Amino acid sequence: MEFIPFNGHNTLTFRQIDQQNNLPKGSTFRLFKRCQALREGQDFFYLAAGDAPETIARWREAGLIYPATVNVVLITESGYRKLQMGRD
């Protein structure tokens, strides 16, 4: 699994987490929406399409995000652990 370095953190996209855990598309997004323990800037980073269009396009071309993704959420290692606890 290829981490995406961002703001000094190793991060993963929803697509990467879905694939890593053999989950159907959208599973990590739904879990993310339910997990109230996640804190922006610590457990995840939100990138609006207008803030980093070239970077988001590169990630799309590399298959790191879903083709229809507009805005990107990057999950940090601490965020991933919290999501894992939410799956149990």
C-alpha atoms as a PDB file:
ATOM      1  CA  MET A   1       0.000   0.000   0.000  1.00  0.00           C
ATOM      2  CA  GLU A   2       1.417   3.350  -1.063  1.00  0.00           C
ATOM      3  CA  PHE A   3       1.013   6.054   1.565  1.00  0.00           C
ATOM      4  CA  ILE A   4       0.399   9.606   0.439  1.00  0.00           C
ATOM      5  CA  PRO A   5       2.651  11.928   2.460  1.00  0.00           C
ATOM      6  CA  PHE A   6       0.655  15.012   3.477  1.00  0.00           C
ATOM      7  CA  ASN A   7       1.426  17.674   6.104  1.00  0.00           C
ATOM      8  CA  GLY A   8       3.983  15.426   7.785  1.00  0.00           C
ATOM      9  CA  HIS A   9       1.618  12.433   7.987  1.00  0.00           C
ATOM     10  CA  ASN A  10       1.307   9.177   6.094  1.00  0.00           C
ATOM     11  CA  THR A  11      -2.218   9.148   4.708  1.00  0.00           C
ATOM     12  CA  LEU A  12      -4.553   6.947   2.697  1.00  0.00           C
ATOM     13  CA  THR A  13      -7.604   7.715   0.573  1.00  0.00           C
ATOM     14  CA  PHE A  14     -11.021   6.106   0.938  1.00  0.00           C
ATOM     15  CA  ARG A  15     -10.327   4.050  -2.193  1.00  0.00           C
ATOM     16  CA  GLN A  16      -7.033   2.743  -0.828  1.00  0.00           C
ATOM     17  CA  ILE A  17      -8.658   1.728   2.456  1.00  0.00           C
ATOM     18  CA  ASP A  18     -11.577   0.055   0.669  1.00  0.00           C
ATOM     19  CA  GLN A  19      -9.140  -1.918  -1.490  1.00  0.00           C
ATOM     20  CA  GLN A  20      -6.788  -2.774   1.397  1.00  0.00           C
ATOM     21  CA  ASN A  21      -9.676  -4.247   3.376  1.00  0.00           C
ATOM     22  CA  ASN A  22     -11.522  -5.824   0.417  1.00  0.00           C
ATOM     23  CA  LEU A  23     -14.546  -3.607   1.040  1.00  0.00           C
ATOM     24  CA  PRO A  24     -17.103  -2.488  -1.538  1.00  0.00           C
ATOM     25  CA  LYS A  25     -16.737   1.013  -2.945  1.00  0.00           C
ATOM     26  CA  GLY A  26     -18.017   3.613  -0.493  1.00  0.00           C
ATOM     27  CA  SER A  27     -17.627   1.507   2.655  1.00  0.00           C
ATOM     28  CA  THR A  28     -14.860   3.626   4.145  1.00  0.00           C
ATOM     29  CA  PHE A  29     -16.723   6.828   3.286  1.00  0.00           C
ATOM     30  CA  ARG A  30     -19.824   5.614   5.129  1.00  0.00           C
ATOM     31  CA  LEU A  31     -17.747   4.560   8.125  1.00  0.00           C
ATOM     32  CA  PHE A  32     -15.999   7.952   8.077  1.00  0.00           C
ATOM     33  CA  LYS A  33     -19.354   9.752   8.165  1.00  0.00           C
ATOM     34  CA  ARG A  34     -20.428   7.733  11.242  1.00  0.00           C
ATOM     35  CA  CYS A  35     -17.162   8.032  13.196  1.00  0.00           C
ATOM     36  CA  GLN A  36     -17.554  11.104  15.396  1.00  0.00           C
ATOM     37  CA  ALA A  37     -14.164  10.565  17.078  1.00  0.00           C
ATOM     38  CA  LEU A  38     -12.252  11.712  13.976  1.00  0.00           C
ATOM     39  CA  ARG A  39     -10.657  15.161  14.180  1.00  0.00           C
ATOM     40  CA  GLU A  40      -9.667  17.185  11.132  1.00  0.00           C
ATOM     41  CA  GLY A  41      -5.955  17.998  11.061  1.00  0.00           C
ATOM     42  CA  GLN A  42      -5.154  15.044  13.289  1.00  0.00           C
ATOM     43  CA  ASP A  43      -7.067  12.031  11.972  1.00  0.00           C
ATOM     44  CA  PHE A  44      -7.871  13.308   8.495  1.00  0.00           C
ATOM     45  CA  PHE A  45      -7.288  16.142   6.053  1.00  0.00           C
ATOM     46  CA  TYR A  46      -9.920  17.565   3.697  1.00  0.00           C
ATOM     47  CA  LEU A  47      -8.813  18.857   0.296  1.00  0.00           C
ATOM     48  CA  ALA A  48     -11.375  20.809  -1.677  1.00  0.00           C
ATOM     49  CA  ALA A  49     -11.148  20.392  -5.444  1.00  0.00           C
ATOM     50  CA  GLY A  50     -10.309  24.054  -5.948  1.00  0.00           C
ATOM     51  CA  ASP A  51      -7.435  23.980  -3.456  1.00  0.00           C
ATOM     52  CA  ALA A  52      -5.325  21.330  -5.192  1.00  0.00           C
ATOM     53  CA  PRO A  53      -6.755  20.485  -8.626  1.00  0.00           C
ATOM     54  CA  GLU A  54      -3.472  19.291 -10.150  1.00  0.00           C
ATOM     55  CA  THR A  55      -2.655  17.063  -7.181  1.00  0.00           C
ATOM     56  CA  ILE A  56      -6.135  15.565  -7.130  1.00  0.00           C
ATOM     57  CA  ALA A  57      -5.944  14.931 -10.890  1.00  0.00           C
ATOM     58  CA  ARG A  58      -2.591  13.131 -10.423  1.00  0.00           C
ATOM     59  CA  TRP A  59      -4.060  10.938  -7.670  1.00  0.00           C
ATOM     60  CA  ARG A  60      -7.034  10.134  -9.903  1.00  0.00           C
ATOM     61  CA  GLU A  61      -4.748   9.183 -12.800  1.00  0.00           C
ATOM     62  CA  ALA A  62      -2.660   7.010 -10.449  1.00  0.00           C
ATOM     63  CA  GLY A  63      -5.802   5.190  -9.275  1.00  0.00           C
ATOM     64  CA  LEU A  64      -5.420   6.407  -5.679  1.00  0.00           C
ATOM     65  CA  ILE A  65      -8.912   7.947  -5.618  1.00  0.00           C
ATOM     66  CA  TYR A  66     -12.163   6.925  -7.274  1.00  0.00           C
ATOM     67  CA  PRO A  67     -12.694   8.425 -10.754  1.00  0.00           C
ATOM     68  CA  ALA A  68     -15.755  10.431  -9.665  1.00  0.00           C
ATOM     69  CA  THR A  69     -14.059  11.884  -6.569  1.00  0.00           C
ATOM     70  CA  VAL A  70     -14.209  15.690  -6.482  1.00  0.00           C
ATOM     71  CA  ASN A  71     -13.011  16.606  -2.980  1.00  0.00           C
ATOM     72  CA  VAL A  72     -10.525  14.344  -1.213  1.00  0.00           C
ATOM     73  CA  VAL A  73     -10.311  13.167   2.376  1.00  0.00           C
ATOM     74  CA  LEU A  74      -6.934  11.782   3.418  1.00  0.00           C
ATOM     75  CA  ILE A  75      -6.984   9.507   6.471  1.00  0.00           C
ATOM     76  CA  THR A  76      -3.941   9.530   8.779  1.00  0.00           C
ATOM     77  CA  GLU A  77      -2.654   6.492  10.648  1.00  0.00           C
ATOM     78  CA  SER A  78      -4.479   7.575  13.819  1.00  0.00           C
ATOM     79  CA  GLY A  79      -7.654   8.077  11.807  1.00  0.00           C
ATOM     80  CA  TYR A  80      -7.280   4.639  10.258  1.00  0.00           C
ATOM     81  CA  ARG A  81      -7.044   3.071  13.722  1.00  0.00           C
ATOM     82  CA  LYS A  82     -10.233   4.883  14.776  1.00  0.00           C
ATOM     83  CA  LEU A  83     -12.021   3.692  11.642  1.00  0.00           C
ATOM     84  CA  GLN A  84     -10.882   0.124  12.341  1.00  0.00           C
ATOM     85  CA  MET A  85     -12.336   0.325  15.862  1.00  0.00           C
ATOM     86  CA  GLY A  86     -15.605   1.575  14.343  1.00  0.00           C
ATOM     87  CA  ARG A  87     -15.860  -1.502  12.099  1.00  0.00           C
ATOM     88  CA  ASP A  88     -15.921  -3.919  15.039  1.00  0.00           C
END
